Amino acid sequence: MAVSIYNRLIRLRNNREQAFADIDVQLKLRHDLIPQLVDSVKGYMGHERGVLTEITEARSNAMKATSINEKIAAETRLSSALEGLKVSVEAYPDLKASQNFMNLQNEIADVENKLAAARRFFNSATKELNVAVELFPSNLIAVLFNFKRETMFELGGDRTATEQPPKIQF
């Protein structure tokens, strides 16, 4: 019975790691698209360098992160920076009308949607592992072999801002 429980914990941990590998694929694509987005916006947003600098730094930190927890923190910062860019872009109607910019925005939106799905799958795998680590009798085996409760991949920051619908102005 102990061997069966141990093997289940190993499977759950590996499922969680595989789920994060799927997130990594989407994050790589996201990181590849961001420089293109920044370059396309630079000409229109000359005086808003702070937003672009924040995105560039956040992307750099996200690419340097090595552990799952470091990546979660770095990607949360990058998501916040990208939200700041979306707000800034609203002030530039010519930029929003540019076909290249719109295509790039659509690609990024697609990646963000896939990333959200991958995060949900990761969080589901994490929850399943955490439940197994905490429930009796598997918690006895978990403690014995140093399995621990793992963190979820959450947006963090100010959730009220992300839960409010966007304002549309004409």
N, C-alpha and C. Protein backbone atom coordinates (compact mmCIF):
# COMPACT_ATOMS: atom_id res chain seq x y z
N MET A 1 0.82 -1.19 0.00
CA MET A 1 0.00 0.00 0.00
C MET A 1 0.88 1.27 0.00
N ALA A 2 1.94 1.25 0.79
CA ALA A 2 2.84 2.40 0.85
C ALA A 2 3.50 2.66 -0.50
N VAL A 3 3.87 1.60 -1.19
CA VAL A 3 4.48 1.75 -2.51
C VAL A 3 3.49 2.36 -3.49
N SER A 4 2.26 1.92 -3.43
CA SER A 4 1.21 2.46 -4.30
C SER A 4 0.99 3.95 -4.04
N ILE A 5 0.94 4.34 -2.79
CA ILE A 5 0.77 5.75 -2.42
C ILE A 5 1.97 6.57 -2.89
N TYR A 6 3.16 6.05 -2.65
CA TYR A 6 4.38 6.75 -3.09
C TYR A 6 4.37 6.94 -4.60
N ASN A 7 4.03 5.90 -5.34
CA ASN A 7 4.00 6.00 -6.80
C ASN A 7 2.96 7.01 -7.27
N ARG A 8 1.83 7.08 -6.58
CA ARG A 8 0.79 8.06 -6.94
C ARG A 8 1.31 9.48 -6.70
N LEU A 9 2.00 9.70 -5.59
CA LEU A 9 2.57 11.01 -5.32
C LEU A 9 3.60 11.40 -6.39
N ILE A 10 4.40 10.45 -6.80
CA ILE A 10 5.38 10.70 -7.87
C ILE A 10 4.66 11.07 -9.16
N ARG A 11 3.61 10.32 -9.51
CA ARG A 11 2.84 10.63 -10.72
C ARG A 11 2.24 12.03 -10.65
N LEU A 12 1.69 12.40 -9.51
CA LEU A 12 1.08 13.72 -9.34
C LEU A 12 2.12 14.83 -9.45
N ARG A 13 3.28 14.61 -8.85
CA ARG A 13 4.35 15.61 -8.95
C ARG A 13 4.82 15.76 -10.39
N ASN A 14 4.96 14.66 -11.09
CA ASN A 14 5.38 14.70 -12.49
C ASN A 14 4.31 15.36 -13.37
N ASN A 15 3.04 15.11 -13.08
CA ASN A 15 1.96 15.78 -13.82
C ASN A 15 2.04 17.29 -13.63
N ARG A 16 2.33 17.71 -12.42
CA ARG A 16 2.46 19.15 -12.15
C ARG A 16 3.64 19.74 -12.93
N GLU A 17 4.75 19.03 -12.92
CA GLU A 17 5.93 19.52 -13.66
C GLU A 17 5.67 19.55 -15.16
N GLN A 18 4.95 18.55 -15.67
CA GLN A 18 4.59 18.54 -17.10
C GLN A 18 3.66 19.70 -17.41
N ALA A 19 2.73 19.98 -16.52
CA ALA A 19 1.81 21.10 -16.72
C ALA A 19 2.59 22.41 -16.77
N PHE A 20 3.60 22.53 -15.94
CA PHE A 20 4.39 23.76 -15.99
C PHE A 20 5.24 23.82 -17.25
N ALA A 21 5.68 22.68 -17.75
CA ALA A 21 6.42 22.66 -19.02
C ALA A 21 5.52 23.18 -20.15
N ASP A 22 4.24 22.86 -20.11
CA ASP A 22 3.29 23.39 -21.10
C ASP A 22 3.17 24.90 -20.97
N ILE A 23 3.17 25.40 -19.75
CA ILE A 23 3.15 26.85 -19.53
C ILE A 23 4.42 27.46 -20.10
N ASP A 24 5.56 26.80 -19.88
CA ASP A 24 6.84 27.30 -20.38
C ASP A 24 6.82 27.51 -21.90
N VAL A 25 6.18 26.60 -22.62
CA VAL A 25 6.08 26.73 -24.07
C VAL A 25 5.36 28.03 -24.43
N GLN A 26 4.24 28.28 -23.77
CA GLN A 26 3.47 29.50 -24.04
C GLN A 26 4.24 30.74 -23.59
N LEU A 27 4.95 30.64 -22.48
CA LEU A 27 5.73 31.78 -22.01
C LEU A 27 6.85 32.11 -23.00
N LYS A 28 7.48 31.10 -23.58
CA LYS A 28 8.52 31.33 -24.58
C LYS A 28 7.95 32.09 -25.77
N LEU A 29 6.80 31.66 -26.24
CA LEU A 29 6.16 32.35 -27.35
C LEU A 29 5.80 33.78 -26.97
N ARG A 30 5.30 33.95 -25.77
CA ARG A 30 4.97 35.29 -25.27
C ARG A 30 6.21 36.17 -25.23
N HIS A 31 7.31 35.61 -24.73
CA HIS A 31 8.55 36.37 -24.63
C HIS A 31 9.09 36.73 -26.02
N ASP A 32 8.86 35.87 -27.01
CA ASP A 32 9.30 36.16 -28.37
C ASP A 32 8.46 37.27 -29.01
N LEU A 33 7.19 37.35 -28.67
CA LEU A 33 6.30 38.35 -29.26
C LEU A 33 6.46 39.74 -28.64
N ILE A 34 6.86 39.79 -27.38
CA ILE A 34 6.92 41.07 -26.68
C ILE A 34 7.88 42.06 -27.33
N PRO A 35 9.10 41.67 -27.73
CA PRO A 35 9.97 42.67 -28.39
C PRO A 35 9.35 43.24 -29.66
N GLN A 36 8.62 42.40 -30.40
CA GLN A 36 7.94 42.89 -31.60
C GLN A 36 6.88 43.92 -31.24
N LEU A 37 6.14 43.64 -30.19
CA LEU A 37 5.10 44.57 -29.74
C LEU A 37 5.72 45.88 -29.29
N VAL A 38 6.77 45.79 -28.50
CA VAL A 38 7.44 46.99 -28.00
C VAL A 38 7.97 47.82 -29.17
N ASP A 39 8.60 47.18 -30.15
CA ASP A 39 9.13 47.90 -31.30
C ASP A 39 8.03 48.59 -32.10
N SER A 40 6.91 47.92 -32.26
CA SER A 40 5.83 48.53 -33.03
C SER A 40 5.18 49.70 -32.30
N VAL A 41 5.26 49.70 -31.00
CA VAL A 41 4.63 50.76 -30.20
C VAL A 41 5.58 51.94 -29.99
N LYS A 42 6.88 51.71 -30.05
CA LYS A 42 7.86 52.75 -29.72
C LYS A 42 7.64 54.05 -30.48
N GLY A 43 7.39 53.96 -31.78
CA GLY A 43 7.22 55.16 -32.58
C GLY A 43 6.05 56.01 -32.14
N TYR A 44 5.01 55.39 -31.68
CA TYR A 44 3.81 56.12 -31.27
C TYR A 44 3.88 56.62 -29.84
N MET A 45 4.64 55.94 -29.02
CA MET A 45 4.62 56.24 -27.59
C MET A 45 5.96 56.78 -27.11
N GLY A 46 6.50 57.75 -27.82
CA GLY A 46 7.82 58.29 -27.49
C GLY A 46 7.94 58.76 -26.06
N HIS A 47 6.91 59.37 -25.52
CA HIS A 47 7.02 59.93 -24.18
C HIS A 47 6.63 58.94 -23.08
N GLU A 48 6.28 57.72 -23.45
CA GLU A 48 5.86 56.75 -22.46
C GLU A 48 6.89 55.63 -22.33
N ARG A 49 8.13 56.02 -22.29
CA ARG A 49 9.24 55.06 -22.21
C ARG A 49 9.17 54.20 -20.94
N GLY A 50 8.63 54.75 -19.87
CA GLY A 50 8.57 54.01 -18.61
C GLY A 50 7.79 52.71 -18.76
N VAL A 51 6.70 52.75 -19.49
CA VAL A 51 5.88 51.55 -19.70
C VAL A 51 6.68 50.52 -20.49
N LEU A 52 7.34 50.98 -21.54
CA LEU A 52 8.12 50.06 -22.38
C LEU A 52 9.33 49.50 -21.62
N THR A 53 9.95 50.33 -20.80
CA THR A 53 11.08 49.88 -20.00
C THR A 53 10.64 48.82 -19.00
N GLU A 54 9.50 49.05 -18.36
CA GLU A 54 8.97 48.08 -17.39
C GLU A 54 8.70 46.73 -18.05
N ILE A 55 8.13 46.75 -19.25
CA ILE A 55 7.85 45.50 -19.97
C ILE A 55 9.15 44.79 -20.32
N THR A 56 10.12 45.54 -20.81
CA THR A 56 11.41 44.95 -21.19
C THR A 56 12.11 44.33 -19.99
N GLU A 57 12.12 45.05 -18.86
CA GLU A 57 12.76 44.51 -17.66
C GLU A 57 12.01 43.30 -17.12
N ALA A 58 10.69 43.37 -17.14
CA ALA A 58 9.89 42.24 -16.64
C ALA A 58 10.11 41.01 -17.51
N ARG A 59 10.18 41.20 -18.83
CA ARG A 59 10.43 40.09 -19.75
C ARG A 59 11.80 39.48 -19.47
N SER A 60 12.80 40.34 -19.29
CA SER A 60 14.16 39.87 -19.01
C SER A 60 14.20 39.05 -17.73
N ASN A 61 13.55 39.54 -16.68
CA ASN A 61 13.51 38.81 -15.41
C ASN A 61 12.76 37.49 -15.56
N ALA A 62 11.70 37.50 -16.36
CA ALA A 62 10.93 36.27 -16.56
C ALA A 62 11.77 35.22 -17.30
N MET A 63 12.58 35.66 -18.23
CA MET A 63 13.41 34.72 -18.98
C MET A 63 14.56 34.18 -18.13
N LYS A 64 14.99 34.94 -17.12
CA LYS A 64 16.09 34.50 -16.25
C LYS A 64 15.62 33.58 -15.12
N ALA A 65 14.34 33.61 -14.80
CA ALA A 65 13.82 32.81 -13.69
C ALA A 65 14.05 31.33 -13.97
N THR A 66 14.41 30.60 -12.92
CA THR A 66 14.72 29.19 -13.10
C THR A 66 13.73 28.26 -12.41
N SER A 67 13.37 28.54 -11.19
CA SER A 67 12.45 27.65 -10.47
C SER A 67 11.01 28.00 -10.81
N ILE A 68 10.12 27.09 -10.52
CA ILE A 68 8.70 27.33 -10.80
C ILE A 68 8.21 28.55 -10.04
N ASN A 69 8.58 28.68 -8.76
CA ASN A 69 8.12 29.83 -7.97
C ASN A 69 8.68 31.14 -8.49
N GLU A 70 9.95 31.15 -8.93
CA GLU A 70 10.54 32.36 -9.51
C GLU A 70 9.82 32.74 -10.79
N LYS A 71 9.50 31.74 -11.61
CA LYS A 71 8.80 32.01 -12.87
C LYS A 71 7.40 32.55 -12.61
N ILE A 72 6.73 32.01 -11.62
CA ILE A 72 5.38 32.50 -11.29
C ILE A 72 5.45 33.97 -10.91
N ALA A 73 6.40 34.34 -10.04
CA ALA A 73 6.53 35.74 -9.61
C ALA A 73 6.91 36.64 -10.79
N ALA A 74 7.83 36.20 -11.61
CA ALA A 74 8.28 37.02 -12.74
C ALA A 74 7.17 37.19 -13.78
N GLU A 75 6.42 36.14 -14.03
CA GLU A 75 5.34 36.24 -15.02
C GLU A 75 4.19 37.10 -14.50
N THR A 76 3.98 37.09 -13.20
CA THR A 76 2.97 37.98 -12.61
C THR A 76 3.35 39.43 -12.86
N ARG A 77 4.64 39.75 -12.67
CA ARG A 77 5.12 41.11 -12.92
C ARG A 77 4.98 41.47 -14.40
N LEU A 78 5.30 40.53 -15.28
CA LEU A 78 5.19 40.78 -16.71
C LEU A 78 3.74 40.99 -17.12
N SER A 79 2.83 40.22 -16.56
CA SER A 79 1.41 40.40 -16.87
C SER A 79 0.94 41.78 -16.46
N SER A 80 1.39 42.25 -15.30
CA SER A 80 1.03 43.59 -14.84
C SER A 80 1.57 44.66 -15.78
N ALA A 81 2.80 44.47 -16.24
CA ALA A 81 3.41 45.43 -17.17
C ALA A 81 2.65 45.47 -18.49
N LEU A 82 2.23 44.31 -18.98
CA LEU A 82 1.47 44.26 -20.22
C LEU A 82 0.11 44.92 -20.07
N GLU A 83 -0.49 44.79 -18.90
CA GLU A 83 -1.75 45.48 -18.64
C GLU A 83 -1.56 46.99 -18.71
N GLY A 84 -0.43 47.49 -18.19
CA GLY A 84 -0.11 48.91 -18.28
C GLY A 84 0.03 49.37 -19.72
N LEU A 85 0.59 48.51 -20.56
CA LEU A 85 0.72 48.84 -21.98
C LEU A 85 -0.66 48.94 -22.63
N LYS A 86 -1.54 48.02 -22.30
CA LYS A 86 -2.89 48.05 -22.89
C LYS A 86 -3.60 49.36 -22.56
N VAL A 87 -3.44 49.81 -21.33
CA VAL A 87 -4.06 51.08 -20.93
C VAL A 87 -3.43 52.24 -21.70
N SER A 88 -2.12 52.24 -21.85
CA SER A 88 -1.43 53.32 -22.55
C SER A 88 -1.79 53.37 -24.03
N VAL A 89 -1.98 52.22 -24.64
CA VAL A 89 -2.28 52.15 -26.06
C VAL A 89 -3.63 52.82 -26.38
N GLU A 90 -4.52 52.82 -25.41
CA GLU A 90 -5.83 53.44 -25.63
C GLU A 90 -5.72 54.90 -26.06
N ALA A 91 -4.66 55.58 -25.70
CA ALA A 91 -4.50 56.99 -26.03
C ALA A 91 -3.97 57.21 -27.45
N TYR A 92 -3.73 56.14 -28.21
CA TYR A 92 -3.13 56.27 -29.54
C TYR A 92 -4.00 55.60 -30.60
N PRO A 93 -5.03 56.32 -31.11
CA PRO A 93 -5.94 55.71 -32.08
C PRO A 93 -5.24 55.30 -33.39
N ASP A 94 -4.22 56.05 -33.82
CA ASP A 94 -3.51 55.68 -35.05
C ASP A 94 -2.79 54.35 -34.89
N LEU A 95 -2.24 54.12 -33.71
CA LEU A 95 -1.55 52.86 -33.44
C LEU A 95 -2.54 51.71 -33.47
N LYS A 96 -3.68 51.92 -32.87
CA LYS A 96 -4.68 50.85 -32.83
C LYS A 96 -5.22 50.53 -34.22
N ALA A 97 -5.13 51.49 -35.16
CA ALA A 97 -5.61 51.26 -36.52
C ALA A 97 -4.56 50.58 -37.40
N SER A 98 -3.33 50.53 -36.95
CA SER A 98 -2.26 49.92 -37.74
C SER A 98 -2.49 48.41 -37.86
N GLN A 99 -2.47 47.91 -39.08
CA GLN A 99 -2.74 46.48 -39.31
C GLN A 99 -1.67 45.60 -38.65
N ASN A 100 -0.40 46.01 -38.74
CA ASN A 100 0.65 45.21 -38.11
C ASN A 100 0.45 45.13 -36.61
N PHE A 101 0.11 46.26 -36.00
CA PHE A 101 -0.11 46.28 -34.56
C PHE A 101 -1.30 45.39 -34.20
N MET A 102 -2.36 45.48 -34.99
CA MET A 102 -3.55 44.68 -34.70
C MET A 102 -3.25 43.18 -34.84
N ASN A 103 -2.49 42.81 -35.87
CA ASN A 103 -2.12 41.40 -36.02
C ASN A 103 -1.29 40.92 -34.82
N LEU A 104 -0.37 41.75 -34.40
CA LEU A 104 0.47 41.41 -33.26
C LEU A 104 -0.37 41.30 -31.99
N GLN A 105 -1.29 42.24 -31.80
CA GLN A 105 -2.19 42.19 -30.64
C GLN A 105 -3.01 40.90 -30.64
N ASN A 106 -3.49 40.50 -31.83
CA ASN A 106 -4.27 39.27 -31.92
C ASN A 106 -3.42 38.05 -31.58
N GLU A 107 -2.17 38.04 -32.04
CA GLU A 107 -1.27 36.94 -31.70
C GLU A 107 -1.03 36.88 -30.20
N ILE A 108 -0.80 38.03 -29.60
CA ILE A 108 -0.55 38.07 -28.15
C ILE A 108 -1.81 37.65 -27.39
N ALA A 109 -2.98 38.09 -27.86
CA ALA A 109 -4.23 37.68 -27.20
C ALA A 109 -4.39 36.16 -27.29
N ASP A 110 -4.04 35.58 -28.43
CA ASP A 110 -4.13 34.13 -28.59
C ASP A 110 -3.18 33.42 -27.63
N VAL A 111 -1.96 33.92 -27.53
CA VAL A 111 -0.98 33.32 -26.61
C VAL A 111 -1.47 33.47 -25.17
N GLU A 112 -2.02 34.64 -24.83
CA GLU A 112 -2.52 34.86 -23.47
C GLU A 112 -3.67 33.89 -23.14
N ASN A 113 -4.53 33.63 -24.12
CA ASN A 113 -5.62 32.67 -23.90
C ASN A 113 -5.09 31.27 -23.69
N LYS A 114 -4.10 30.88 -24.50
CA LYS A 114 -3.50 29.56 -24.33
C LYS A 114 -2.76 29.47 -23.00
N LEU A 115 -2.13 30.57 -22.61
CA LEU A 115 -1.42 30.62 -21.34
C LEU A 115 -2.40 30.48 -20.17
N ALA A 116 -3.54 31.14 -20.29
CA ALA A 116 -4.56 31.03 -19.24
C ALA A 116 -5.04 29.58 -19.11
N ALA A 117 -5.24 28.91 -20.24
CA ALA A 117 -5.66 27.51 -20.21
C ALA A 117 -4.58 26.64 -19.58
N ALA A 118 -3.33 26.89 -19.94
CA ALA A 118 -2.22 26.12 -19.37
C ALA A 118 -2.10 26.36 -17.87
N ARG A 119 -2.33 27.61 -17.44
CA ARG A 119 -2.30 27.91 -16.00
C ARG A 119 -3.41 27.17 -15.26
N ARG A 120 -4.60 27.12 -15.87
CA ARG A 120 -5.69 26.38 -15.23
C ARG A 120 -5.33 24.91 -15.07
N PHE A 121 -4.74 24.32 -16.11
CA PHE A 121 -4.33 22.92 -16.03
C PHE A 121 -3.25 22.72 -14.98
N PHE A 122 -2.29 23.64 -14.93
CA PHE A 122 -1.23 23.58 -13.93
C PHE A 122 -1.82 23.67 -12.52
N ASN A 123 -2.73 24.60 -12.31
CA ASN A 123 -3.33 24.76 -10.99
C ASN A 123 -4.17 23.54 -10.61
N SER A 124 -4.79 22.92 -11.59
CA SER A 124 -5.54 21.69 -11.31
C SER A 124 -4.59 20.57 -10.89
N ALA A 125 -3.47 20.44 -11.59
CA ALA A 125 -2.47 19.42 -11.23
C ALA A 125 -1.87 19.72 -9.86
N THR A 126 -1.65 21.00 -9.57
CA THR A 126 -1.10 21.40 -8.27
C THR A 126 -2.10 21.08 -7.16
N LYS A 127 -3.37 21.38 -7.40
CA LYS A 127 -4.40 21.09 -6.40
C LYS A 127 -4.48 19.60 -6.12
N GLU A 128 -4.42 18.80 -7.16
CA GLU A 128 -4.49 17.35 -6.99
C GLU A 128 -3.31 16.84 -6.16
N LEU A 129 -2.11 17.36 -6.44
CA LEU A 129 -0.93 16.99 -5.66
C LEU A 129 -1.09 17.44 -4.21
N ASN A 130 -1.52 18.68 -4.01
CA ASN A 130 -1.67 19.21 -2.65
C ASN A 130 -2.68 18.41 -1.83
N VAL A 131 -3.77 18.00 -2.45
CA VAL A 131 -4.78 17.20 -1.75
C VAL A 131 -4.16 15.86 -1.34
N ALA A 132 -3.43 15.24 -2.25
CA ALA A 132 -2.80 13.96 -1.93
C ALA A 132 -1.77 14.10 -0.81
N VAL A 133 -1.05 15.21 -0.79
CA VAL A 133 -0.03 15.45 0.24
C VAL A 133 -0.68 15.65 1.61
N GLU A 134 -1.89 16.15 1.63
CA GLU A 134 -2.54 16.48 2.90
C GLU A 134 -3.48 15.40 3.42
N LEU A 135 -4.01 14.55 2.55
CA LEU A 135 -4.98 13.55 2.98
C LEU A 135 -4.31 12.34 3.62
N PHE A 136 -4.99 11.76 4.59
CA PHE A 136 -4.54 10.54 5.24
C PHE A 136 -4.93 9.36 4.35
N PRO A 137 -4.17 8.39 4.14
CA PRO A 137 -2.87 8.05 4.71
C PRO A 137 -1.69 8.54 3.85
N SER A 138 -2.00 9.14 2.68
CA SER A 138 -0.89 9.55 1.82
C SER A 138 -0.04 10.64 2.45
N ASN A 139 -0.60 11.39 3.40
CA ASN A 139 0.21 12.42 4.05
C ASN A 139 1.36 11.81 4.85
N LEU A 140 1.20 10.61 5.34
CA LEU A 140 2.28 9.94 6.07
C LEU A 140 3.46 9.63 5.13
N ILE A 141 3.14 9.14 3.96
CA ILE A 141 4.17 8.83 2.96
C ILE A 141 4.78 10.14 2.45
N ALA A 142 3.94 11.16 2.26
CA ALA A 142 4.41 12.46 1.76
C ALA A 142 5.44 13.07 2.71
N VAL A 143 5.17 13.03 3.99
CA VAL A 143 6.11 13.58 4.98
C VAL A 143 7.40 12.76 4.98
N LEU A 144 7.25 11.46 4.90
CA LEU A 144 8.41 10.57 4.93
C LEU A 144 9.36 10.83 3.75
N PHE A 145 8.80 11.15 2.58
CA PHE A 145 9.62 11.34 1.38
C PHE A 145 9.71 12.81 0.95
N ASN A 146 9.42 13.71 1.88
CA ASN A 146 9.59 15.14 1.69
C ASN A 146 8.75 15.74 0.55
N PHE A 147 7.55 15.21 0.34
CA PHE A 147 6.61 15.87 -0.55
C PHE A 147 5.99 17.01 0.25
N LYS A 148 5.76 18.13 -0.41
CA LYS A 148 5.18 19.26 0.32
C LYS A 148 4.10 19.93 -0.52
N ARG A 149 3.37 20.78 0.13
CA ARG A 149 2.33 21.55 -0.54
C ARG A 149 3.01 22.52 -1.52
N GLU A 150 2.52 22.60 -2.75
CA GLU A 150 3.10 23.45 -3.79
C GLU A 150 2.22 24.68 -4.02
N THR A 151 2.81 25.71 -4.60
CA THR A 151 2.08 26.94 -4.85
C THR A 151 1.35 26.89 -6.19
N MET A 152 0.24 27.61 -6.23
CA MET A 152 -0.55 27.75 -7.45
C MET A 152 0.06 28.87 -8.28
N PHE A 153 -0.33 28.94 -9.53
CA PHE A 153 0.09 30.00 -10.45
C PHE A 153 -1.06 30.99 -10.53
N GLU A 154 -0.98 32.03 -9.72
CA GLU A 154 -2.04 33.03 -9.67
C GLU A 154 -1.56 34.34 -10.24
N LEU A 155 -2.52 35.18 -10.63
CA LEU A 155 -2.18 36.48 -11.18
C LEU A 155 -1.51 37.38 -10.17
N GLY A 156 -1.93 37.29 -8.92
CA GLY A 156 -1.36 38.15 -7.89
C GLY A 156 -1.74 39.60 -8.10
N GLY A 157 -1.12 40.45 -7.35
CA GLY A 157 -1.36 41.89 -7.51
C GLY A 157 -2.78 42.29 -7.15
N ASP A 158 -3.25 43.34 -7.80
CA ASP A 158 -4.56 43.91 -7.52
C ASP A 158 -5.61 43.19 -8.35
N ARG A 159 -6.29 42.24 -7.75
CA ARG A 159 -7.30 41.45 -8.46
C ARG A 159 -8.51 42.29 -8.85
N THR A 160 -8.81 43.34 -8.11
CA THR A 160 -9.98 44.14 -8.45
C THR A 160 -9.81 44.80 -9.81
N ALA A 161 -8.60 45.17 -10.17
CA ALA A 161 -8.35 45.79 -11.48
C ALA A 161 -8.55 44.78 -12.60
N THR A 162 -8.18 43.53 -12.39
CA THR A 162 -8.33 42.52 -13.44
C THR A 162 -9.75 41.99 -13.52
N GLU A 163 -10.54 42.15 -12.48
CA GLU A 163 -11.90 41.64 -12.49
C GLU A 163 -12.90 42.65 -13.04
N GLN A 164 -12.50 43.91 -13.20
CA GLN A 164 -13.40 44.91 -13.72
C GLN A 164 -13.41 44.85 -15.25
N PRO A 165 -14.60 45.03 -15.87
CA PRO A 165 -14.64 45.02 -17.32
C PRO A 165 -13.93 46.25 -17.89
N PRO A 166 -13.37 46.13 -19.09
CA PRO A 166 -12.68 47.29 -19.68
C PRO A 166 -13.68 48.37 -20.04
N LYS A 167 -13.22 49.61 -19.99
CA LYS A 167 -14.05 50.75 -20.37
C LYS A 167 -13.87 51.00 -21.86
N ILE A 168 -14.96 51.11 -22.57
CA ILE A 168 -14.91 51.37 -24.00
C ILE A 168 -15.35 52.80 -24.23
N GLN A 169 -14.48 53.57 -24.90
CA GLN A 169 -14.78 54.98 -25.16
C GLN A 169 -14.69 55.23 -26.65
N PHE A 170 -15.58 56.07 -27.14
CA PHE A 170 -15.56 56.47 -28.55
C PHE A 170 -15.29 57.95 -28.69
